[in-house]
Amino acid sequence: MISTVLKFYLQGLLISAVVVLILSIIYAFAYLVRNTDKSKTARRNRILDLILVDILTIPILSFAVVGLLVILRTRG
């Protein structure tokens, strides 16, 4: 039982990390391209804020993905 829950959580963590990483890279690239007139420290601070938001978002999103995986497992 514990191994099944751990397997679902690790899968959810991996899926959410990949999704958040892809979306963050797209956002960071778009921000850096649009705001070339900002100072280097302002751009660096925005990227560091983005990393902080990613660190806080990944575990929360992983529980949502775990819920979806459990639902798909019970139906399949």
Protein backbone atom coordinates (compact mmCIF):
# COMPACT_ATOMS: atom_id res chain seq x y z
CA MET A 1 0.00 0.00 0.00
CA ILE A 2 2.73 2.43 0.98
CA SER A 3 4.74 1.61 -2.13
CA THR A 4 1.72 2.34 -4.34
CA VAL A 5 1.16 5.73 -2.72
CA LEU A 6 4.86 6.53 -2.99
CA LYS A 7 4.85 5.47 -6.66
CA PHE A 8 1.88 7.75 -7.38
CA TYR A 9 3.47 10.66 -5.51
CA LEU A 10 6.80 10.32 -7.31
CA GLN A 11 5.05 10.11 -10.67
CA GLY A 12 2.99 13.18 -9.79
CA LEU A 13 6.09 15.02 -8.62
CA LEU A 14 7.92 14.22 -11.85
CA ILE A 15 4.99 15.21 -14.06
CA SER A 16 4.38 18.47 -12.21
CA ALA A 17 8.09 19.34 -12.20
CA VAL A 18 8.32 18.84 -15.97
CA VAL A 19 5.18 20.88 -16.65
CA VAL A 20 6.22 23.73 -14.36
CA LEU A 21 9.76 23.72 -15.77
CA ILE A 22 8.53 23.94 -19.37
CA LEU A 23 6.07 26.74 -18.57
CA SER A 24 8.73 28.63 -16.59
CA ILE A 25 11.25 28.41 -19.41
CA ILE A 26 8.67 29.75 -21.87
CA TYR A 27 7.74 32.59 -19.51
CA ALA A 28 11.37 33.47 -18.71
CA PHE A 29 12.33 33.52 -22.38
CA ALA A 30 9.36 35.71 -23.29
CA TYR A 31 10.13 38.08 -20.40
CA LEU A 32 13.79 38.37 -21.29
CA VAL A 33 13.04 39.01 -24.96
CA ARG A 34 10.38 41.66 -24.27
CA ASN A 35 12.24 43.53 -21.51
CA THR A 36 15.69 44.12 -22.92
CA ASP A 37 15.62 47.72 -21.67
CA LYS A 38 15.48 46.70 -17.98
CA SER A 39 18.63 46.50 -15.92
CA LYS A 40 20.46 43.24 -15.41
CA THR A 41 19.57 43.13 -11.71
CA ALA A 42 15.86 43.62 -12.43
CA ARG A 43 15.87 40.77 -14.92
CA ARG A 44 17.85 38.57 -12.53
CA ASN A 45 15.42 39.33 -9.71
CA ARG A 46 12.47 38.35 -11.92
CA ILE A 47 14.14 35.03 -12.76
CA LEU A 48 14.88 34.37 -9.09
CA ASP A 49 11.25 35.14 -8.24
CA LEU A 50 10.21 32.68 -10.92
CA ILE A 51 12.43 29.98 -9.41
CA LEU A 52 10.92 30.62 -5.98
CA VAL A 53 7.39 30.35 -7.35
CA ASP A 54 8.36 27.10 -9.10
CA ILE A 55 9.73 25.63 -5.87
CA LEU A 56 6.48 26.45 -4.08
CA THR A 57 4.18 25.34 -6.92
CA ILE A 58 5.63 21.93 -7.80
CA PRO A 59 4.63 20.09 -4.57
CA ILE A 60 1.12 21.55 -4.61
CA LEU A 61 0.58 20.63 -8.24
CA SER A 62 1.95 17.15 -7.62
CA PHE A 63 -0.91 16.37 -5.23
CA ALA A 64 -3.40 17.35 -7.93
CA VAL A 65 -1.63 15.07 -10.38
CA VAL A 66 -1.65 12.26 -7.78
CA GLY A 67 -5.41 12.66 -7.53
CA LEU A 68 -5.74 12.38 -11.30
CA LEU A 69 -3.47 9.33 -11.38
CA VAL A 70 -5.51 7.61 -8.66
CA ILE A 71 -8.75 8.32 -10.52
CA LEU A 72 -7.30 7.01 -13.77
CA ARG A 73 -5.95 3.93 -11.98
CA THR A 74 -9.31 3.05 -10.44
CA ARG A 75 -11.16 3.49 -13.74
CA GLY A 76 -8.60 1.55 -15.76
